[in-house]
Amino acid sequence: MHHSHNKGKLSYLESPERRKEFSPEQLLNMIPVKETDSMLDFGAGTGYFSIPAAKRIKGKVYALDIDATMLEIINEKALEEQLSNIVSVQGSMEALCLPEGSIDIIIASLVLHEIQPLAPLLRQMKKVLKKEGYLICLELEPKRSSKKAPRITMEGMEQELKEAGFQITEKFFPTESLYMLIAQNTN
């Protein structure tokens, strides 16, 4: 049972529709990525962002996911693409063991809505981010009609980020249903 659900998730995560809507390259073009940056892809999934990011930067890309099968896929892709700067880590934020202020950019795509409560995680993210580092949050705006899926509105997410001490620097709606917040670790 669990597996079939995962397959559906996988095919969506990798689907051409998803790329057409908003490609990882488009996202990376929107954020202030420097070649020397290090990045954390939180809830990396199949490496939708980790792989393109690792091609752009010389720093490390930490691909963090709870699901080991996802990380195997990322490792295979990294081998195929001959990328040596991807570090896959299984588990939650605690599994990372990164020193404070060591990461330039965190990408959290379609994952933060699953975490309750969110505040402690955001504080952990803020800790590992450098001063002036960025947290990029991509989420689906809840549909008025749908009560099933746990979703956070853009306003709700902004509030959470501000309370955790981030400053929102930019907001985008890459697609009708998708919002993107760029939050900076300013203090």
C-alpha atoms as a PDB file:
ATOM      1  CA  MET A   1       0.000   0.000   0.000  1.00  0.00           C
ATOM      2  CA  HIS A   2       2.667   2.421   1.112  1.00  0.00           C
ATOM      3  CA  HIS A   3       4.714   1.757  -2.003  1.00  0.00           C
ATOM      4  CA  SER A   4       2.052   2.546  -4.569  1.00  0.00           C
ATOM      5  CA  HIS A   5       1.539   5.923  -2.907  1.00  0.00           C
ATOM      6  CA  ASN A   6       5.258   6.527  -3.125  1.00  0.00           C
ATOM      7  CA  LYS A   7       5.274   5.728  -6.825  1.00  0.00           C
ATOM      8  CA  GLY A   8       2.611   8.342  -7.445  1.00  0.00           C
ATOM      9  CA  LYS A   9       4.623  10.876  -5.498  1.00  0.00           C
ATOM     10  CA  LEU A  10       7.751   9.939  -7.416  1.00  0.00           C
ATOM     11  CA  SER A  11       6.168  10.257 -10.809  1.00  0.00           C
ATOM     12  CA  TYR A  12       4.818  13.677  -9.880  1.00  0.00           C
ATOM     13  CA  LEU A  13       8.138  14.828  -8.451  1.00  0.00           C
ATOM     14  CA  GLU A  14       9.848  13.871 -11.684  1.00  0.00           C
ATOM     15  CA  SER A  15       7.060  14.747 -14.082  1.00  0.00           C
ATOM     16  CA  PRO A  16       7.630  16.870 -17.188  1.00  0.00           C
ATOM     17  CA  GLU A  17       4.507  18.835 -16.174  1.00  0.00           C
ATOM     18  CA  ARG A  18       6.194  19.867 -12.995  1.00  0.00           C
ATOM     19  CA  ARG A  19       9.293  20.937 -14.885  1.00  0.00           C
ATOM     20  CA  LYS A  20       7.246  22.818 -17.422  1.00  0.00           C
ATOM     21  CA  GLU A  21       5.400  24.672 -14.690  1.00  0.00           C
ATOM     22  CA  PHE A  22       8.506  25.737 -12.886  1.00  0.00           C
ATOM     23  CA  SER A  23      11.885  24.227 -13.553  1.00  0.00           C
ATOM     24  CA  PRO A  24      14.574  23.940 -10.885  1.00  0.00           C
ATOM     25  CA  GLU A  25      16.773  26.071 -13.149  1.00  0.00           C
ATOM     26  CA  GLN A  26      14.174  28.844 -13.046  1.00  0.00           C
ATOM     27  CA  LEU A  27      14.169  28.716  -9.276  1.00  0.00           C
ATOM     28  CA  LEU A  28      17.951  28.814  -9.097  1.00  0.00           C
ATOM     29  CA  ASN A  29      17.952  31.829 -11.397  1.00  0.00           C
ATOM     30  CA  MET A  30      15.660  33.643  -8.967  1.00  0.00           C
ATOM     31  CA  ILE A  31      17.827  33.235  -5.921  1.00  0.00           C
ATOM     32  CA  PRO A  32      21.145  34.857  -5.116  1.00  0.00           C
ATOM     33  CA  VAL A  33      23.363  31.800  -5.645  1.00  0.00           C
ATOM     34  CA  LYS A  34      27.115  32.329  -5.707  1.00  0.00           C
ATOM     35  CA  GLU A  35      29.477  29.736  -7.092  1.00  0.00           C
ATOM     36  CA  THR A  36      31.189  29.338  -3.734  1.00  0.00           C
ATOM     37  CA  ASP A  37      27.933  28.755  -1.846  1.00  0.00           C
ATOM     38  CA  SER A  38      27.027  25.681   0.122  1.00  0.00           C
ATOM     39  CA  MET A  39      23.425  24.578   0.116  1.00  0.00           C
ATOM     40  CA  LEU A  40      21.021  22.379   2.023  1.00  0.00           C
ATOM     41  CA  ASP A  41      18.146  20.794   0.149  1.00  0.00           C
ATOM     42  CA  PHE A  42      15.744  20.015   2.976  1.00  0.00           C
ATOM     43  CA  GLY A  43      13.460  17.127   2.035  1.00  0.00           C
ATOM     44  CA  ALA A  44      15.480  16.595  -1.116  1.00  0.00           C
ATOM     45  CA  GLY A  45      13.258  13.882  -2.582  1.00  0.00           C
ATOM     46  CA  THR A  46      14.679  12.662  -5.881  1.00  0.00           C
ATOM     47  CA  GLY A  47      17.147  15.539  -6.129  1.00  0.00           C
ATOM     48  CA  TYR A  48      14.896  17.766  -8.206  1.00  0.00           C
ATOM     49  CA  PHE A  49      16.801  20.775  -6.850  1.00  0.00           C
ATOM     50  CA  SER A  50      19.943  19.115  -5.438  1.00  0.00           C
ATOM     51  CA  ILE A  51      21.242  17.938  -8.807  1.00  0.00           C
ATOM     52  CA  PRO A  52      20.857  21.212 -10.765  1.00  0.00           C
ATOM     53  CA  ALA A  53      22.191  23.137  -7.743  1.00  0.00           C
ATOM     54  CA  ALA A  54      25.282  20.931  -7.504  1.00  0.00           C
ATOM     55  CA  LYS A  55      26.075  21.735 -11.131  1.00  0.00           C
ATOM     56  CA  ARG A  56      26.032  25.454 -10.369  1.00  0.00           C
ATOM     57  CA  ILE A  57      28.020  25.680  -7.205  1.00  0.00           C
ATOM     58  CA  LYS A  58      31.433  24.510  -6.076  1.00  0.00           C
ATOM     59  CA  GLY A  59      30.338  24.240  -2.467  1.00  0.00           C
ATOM     60  CA  LYS A  60      28.627  21.225  -0.979  1.00  0.00           C
ATOM     61  CA  VAL A  61      24.974  20.445  -1.558  1.00  0.00           C
ATOM     62  CA  TYR A  62      23.543  18.553   1.398  1.00  0.00           C
ATOM     63  CA  ALA A  63      20.592  16.472   0.242  1.00  0.00           C
ATOM     64  CA  LEU A  64      18.592  15.683   3.353  1.00  0.00           C
ATOM     65  CA  ASP A  65      15.661  13.290   3.277  1.00  0.00           C
ATOM     66  CA  ILE A  66      14.061  10.830   5.664  1.00  0.00           C
ATOM     67  CA  ASP A  67      13.580   8.326   2.846  1.00  0.00           C
ATOM     68  CA  ALA A  68      16.688   6.291   2.018  1.00  0.00           C
ATOM     69  CA  THR A  69      15.308   5.210  -1.370  1.00  0.00           C
ATOM     70  CA  MET A  70      15.104   8.857  -2.427  1.00  0.00           C
ATOM     71  CA  LEU A  71      18.741   9.345  -1.455  1.00  0.00           C
ATOM     72  CA  GLU A  72      19.768   6.291  -3.460  1.00  0.00           C
ATOM     73  CA  ILE A  73      18.188   7.915  -6.506  1.00  0.00           C
ATOM     74  CA  ILE A  74      20.100  11.134  -5.809  1.00  0.00           C
ATOM     75  CA  ASN A  75      23.371   9.226  -5.408  1.00  0.00           C
ATOM     76  CA  GLU A  76      22.798   7.409  -8.706  1.00  0.00           C
ATOM     77  CA  LYS A  77      22.080  10.695 -10.485  1.00  0.00           C
ATOM     78  CA  ALA A  78      25.144  12.299  -8.933  1.00  0.00           C
ATOM     79  CA  LEU A  79      27.287   9.426 -10.220  1.00  0.00           C
ATOM     80  CA  GLU A  80      25.769   9.671 -13.690  1.00  0.00           C
ATOM     81  CA  GLU A  81      26.357  13.405 -13.793  1.00  0.00           C
ATOM     82  CA  GLN A  82      29.802  13.009 -12.182  1.00  0.00           C
ATOM     83  CA  LEU A  83      28.943  15.395  -9.379  1.00  0.00           C
ATOM     84  CA  SER A  84      31.194  15.025  -6.372  1.00  0.00           C
ATOM     85  CA  ASN A  85      29.766  17.826  -4.232  1.00  0.00           C
ATOM     86  CA  ILE A  86      26.488  16.196  -3.207  1.00  0.00           C
ATOM     87  CA  VAL A  87      26.370  14.880   0.333  1.00  0.00           C
ATOM     88  CA  SER A  88      23.259  12.830   0.968  1.00  0.00           C
ATOM     89  CA  VAL A  89      22.106  12.598   4.564  1.00  0.00           C
ATOM     90  CA  GLN A  90      19.271  10.428   5.791  1.00  0.00           C
ATOM     91  CA  GLY A  91      17.094  11.723   8.585  1.00  0.00           C
ATOM     92  CA  SER A  92      15.792  15.002   9.923  1.00  0.00           C
ATOM     93  CA  MET A  93      17.597  18.253  10.622  1.00  0.00           C
ATOM     94  CA  GLU A  94      19.301  16.687  13.670  1.00  0.00           C
ATOM     95  CA  ALA A  95      21.061  14.138  11.455  1.00  0.00           C
ATOM     96  CA  LEU A  96      23.028  16.891   9.730  1.00  0.00           C
ATOM     97  CA  CYS A  97      25.493  17.778  12.487  1.00  0.00           C
ATOM     98  CA  LEU A  98      26.511  20.945  10.663  1.00  0.00           C
ATOM     99  CA  PRO A  99      28.317  23.703  12.514  1.00  0.00           C
ATOM    100  CA  GLU A 100      26.381  26.899  13.142  1.00  0.00           C
ATOM    101  CA  GLY A 101      26.558  29.408  10.340  1.00  0.00           C
ATOM    102  CA  SER A 102      27.910  26.977   7.757  1.00  0.00           C
ATOM    103  CA  ILE A 103      25.252  27.033   5.028  1.00  0.00           C
ATOM    104  CA  ASP A 104      24.516  29.822   2.534  1.00  0.00           C
ATOM    105  CA  ILE A 105      21.182  28.663   1.175  1.00  0.00           C
ATOM    106  CA  ILE A 106      18.492  26.253   2.335  1.00  0.00           C
ATOM    107  CA  ILE A 107      15.843  25.119  -0.119  1.00  0.00           C
ATOM    108  CA  ALA A 108      12.682  23.655   1.393  1.00  0.00           C
ATOM    109  CA  SER A 109      10.362  22.646  -1.410  1.00  0.00           C
ATOM    110  CA  LEU A 110       6.886  21.297  -0.652  1.00  0.00           C
ATOM    111  CA  VAL A 111       7.951  19.973   2.719  1.00  0.00           C
ATOM    112  CA  LEU A 112       7.461  22.577   5.463  1.00  0.00           C
ATOM    113  CA  HIS A 113       3.671  22.144   5.506  1.00  0.00           C
ATOM    114  CA  GLU A 114       4.207  18.602   6.782  1.00  0.00           C
ATOM    115  CA  ILE A 115       6.096  19.709   9.873  1.00  0.00           C
ATOM    116  CA  GLN A 116       4.245  20.429  13.090  1.00  0.00           C
ATOM    117  CA  PRO A 117       5.185  22.577  14.930  1.00  0.00           C
ATOM    118  CA  LEU A 118       7.295  24.461  12.440  1.00  0.00           C
ATOM    119  CA  ALA A 119       8.997  26.978  14.734  1.00  0.00           C
ATOM    120  CA  PRO A 120      11.687  24.673  16.218  1.00  0.00           C
ATOM    121  CA  LEU A 121      12.744  23.515  12.748  1.00  0.00           C
ATOM    122  CA  LEU A 122      12.953  27.092  11.451  1.00  0.00           C
ATOM    123  CA  ARG A 123      15.138  27.987  14.415  1.00  0.00           C
ATOM    124  CA  GLN A 124      17.441  25.050  13.601  1.00  0.00           C
ATOM    125  CA  MET A 125      17.598  26.198   9.988  1.00  0.00           C
ATOM    126  CA  LYS A 126      18.424  29.711  11.085  1.00  0.00           C
ATOM    127  CA  LYS A 127      21.271  28.340  13.218  1.00  0.00           C
ATOM    128  CA  VAL A 128      22.996  26.475  10.393  1.00  0.00           C
ATOM    129  CA  LEU A 129      22.546  29.397   7.995  1.00  0.00           C
ATOM    130  CA  LYS A 130      25.240  32.018   7.714  1.00  0.00           C
ATOM    131  CA  LYS A 131      24.339  35.553   8.634  1.00  0.00           C
ATOM    132  CA  GLU A 132      22.765  36.961   5.462  1.00  0.00           C
ATOM    133  CA  GLY A 133      22.058  33.371   4.317  1.00  0.00           C
ATOM    134  CA  TYR A 134      18.776  32.512   2.635  1.00  0.00           C
ATOM    135  CA  LEU A 135      15.929  30.106   3.218  1.00  0.00           C
ATOM    136  CA  ILE A 136      13.940  29.437   0.060  1.00  0.00           C
ATOM    137  CA  CYS A 137      10.482  28.118   0.773  1.00  0.00           C
ATOM    138  CA  LEU A 138       8.248  26.682  -1.951  1.00  0.00           C
ATOM    139  CA  GLU A 139       4.731  25.659  -1.033  1.00  0.00           C
ATOM    140  CA  LEU A 140       1.329  25.117  -2.576  1.00  0.00           C
ATOM    141  CA  GLU A 141      -1.280  27.704  -1.672  1.00  0.00           C
ATOM    142  CA  PRO A 142      -4.199  25.821  -0.082  1.00  0.00           C
ATOM    143  CA  LYS A 143      -7.262  25.556  -2.281  1.00  0.00           C
ATOM    144  CA  ARG A 144     -10.346  26.917  -0.600  1.00  0.00           C
ATOM    145  CA  SER A 145     -12.196  23.706  -1.396  1.00  0.00           C
ATOM    146  CA  SER A 146      -9.638  21.184  -0.222  1.00  0.00           C
ATOM    147  CA  LYS A 147      -9.551  20.343   3.448  1.00  0.00           C
ATOM    148  CA  LYS A 148      -7.584  17.095   3.078  1.00  0.00           C
ATOM    149  CA  ALA A 149      -4.002  18.146   2.635  1.00  0.00           C
ATOM    150  CA  PRO A 150      -2.165  20.028   5.347  1.00  0.00           C
ATOM    151  CA  ARG A 151      -1.140  23.250   3.653  1.00  0.00           C
ATOM    152  CA  ILE A 152       0.095  26.600   4.877  1.00  0.00           C
ATOM    153  CA  THR A 153      -1.007  29.804   3.209  1.00  0.00           C
ATOM    154  CA  MET A 154       1.641  32.251   2.100  1.00  0.00           C
ATOM    155  CA  GLU A 155       0.584  34.627   4.895  1.00  0.00           C
ATOM    156  CA  GLY A 156       0.845  31.848   7.432  1.00  0.00           C
ATOM    157  CA  MET A 157       4.301  30.879   6.215  1.00  0.00           C
ATOM    158  CA  GLU A 158       5.475  34.499   6.217  1.00  0.00           C
ATOM    159  CA  GLN A 159       4.316  34.807   9.805  1.00  0.00           C
ATOM    160  CA  GLU A 160       6.196  31.640  10.838  1.00  0.00           C
ATOM    161  CA  LEU A 161       9.371  32.825   9.120  1.00  0.00           C
ATOM    162  CA  LYS A 162       9.191  36.292  10.684  1.00  0.00           C
ATOM    163  CA  GLU A 163       8.606  34.841  14.126  1.00  0.00           C
ATOM    164  CA  ALA A 164      11.678  32.639  13.676  1.00  0.00           C
ATOM    165  CA  GLY A 165      13.706  35.800  12.977  1.00  0.00           C
ATOM    166  CA  PHE A 166      13.879  35.735   9.197  1.00  0.00           C
ATOM    167  CA  GLN A 167      13.245  38.697   6.959  1.00  0.00           C
ATOM    168  CA  ILE A 168      11.187  38.078   3.827  1.00  0.00           C
ATOM    169  CA  THR A 169      13.084  39.606   0.921  1.00  0.00           C
ATOM    170  CA  GLU A 170      11.032  38.393  -2.045  1.00  0.00           C
ATOM    171  CA  LYS A 171       7.783  36.650  -2.912  1.00  0.00           C
ATOM    172  CA  PHE A 172       6.879  34.952  -6.146  1.00  0.00           C
ATOM    173  CA  PHE A 173       4.001  32.981  -7.551  1.00  0.00           C
ATOM    174  CA  PRO A 174       5.860  30.789 -10.054  1.00  0.00           C
ATOM    175  CA  THR A 175       2.569  29.102 -10.940  1.00  0.00           C
ATOM    176  CA  GLU A 176      -1.050  29.697  -9.976  1.00  0.00           C
ATOM    177  CA  SER A 177      -0.888  27.251  -7.118  1.00  0.00           C
ATOM    178  CA  LEU A 178       2.735  27.595  -6.063  1.00  0.00           C
ATOM    179  CA  TYR A 179       4.231  30.332  -3.947  1.00  0.00           C
ATOM    180  CA  MET A 180       7.853  30.966  -3.192  1.00  0.00           C
ATOM    181  CA  LEU A 181       9.291  33.001  -0.341  1.00  0.00           C
ATOM    182  CA  ILE A 182      12.890  34.076  -0.051  1.00  0.00           C
ATOM    183  CA  ALA A 183      13.737  34.688   3.588  1.00  0.00           C
ATOM    184  CA  GLN A 184      17.031  36.070   4.773  1.00  0.00           C
ATOM    185  CA  ASN A 185      18.810  35.422   8.037  1.00  0.00           C
ATOM    186  CA  THR A 186      19.452  39.042   8.901  1.00  0.00           C
ATOM    187  CA  ASN A 187      20.140  39.013  12.618  1.00  0.00           C
END
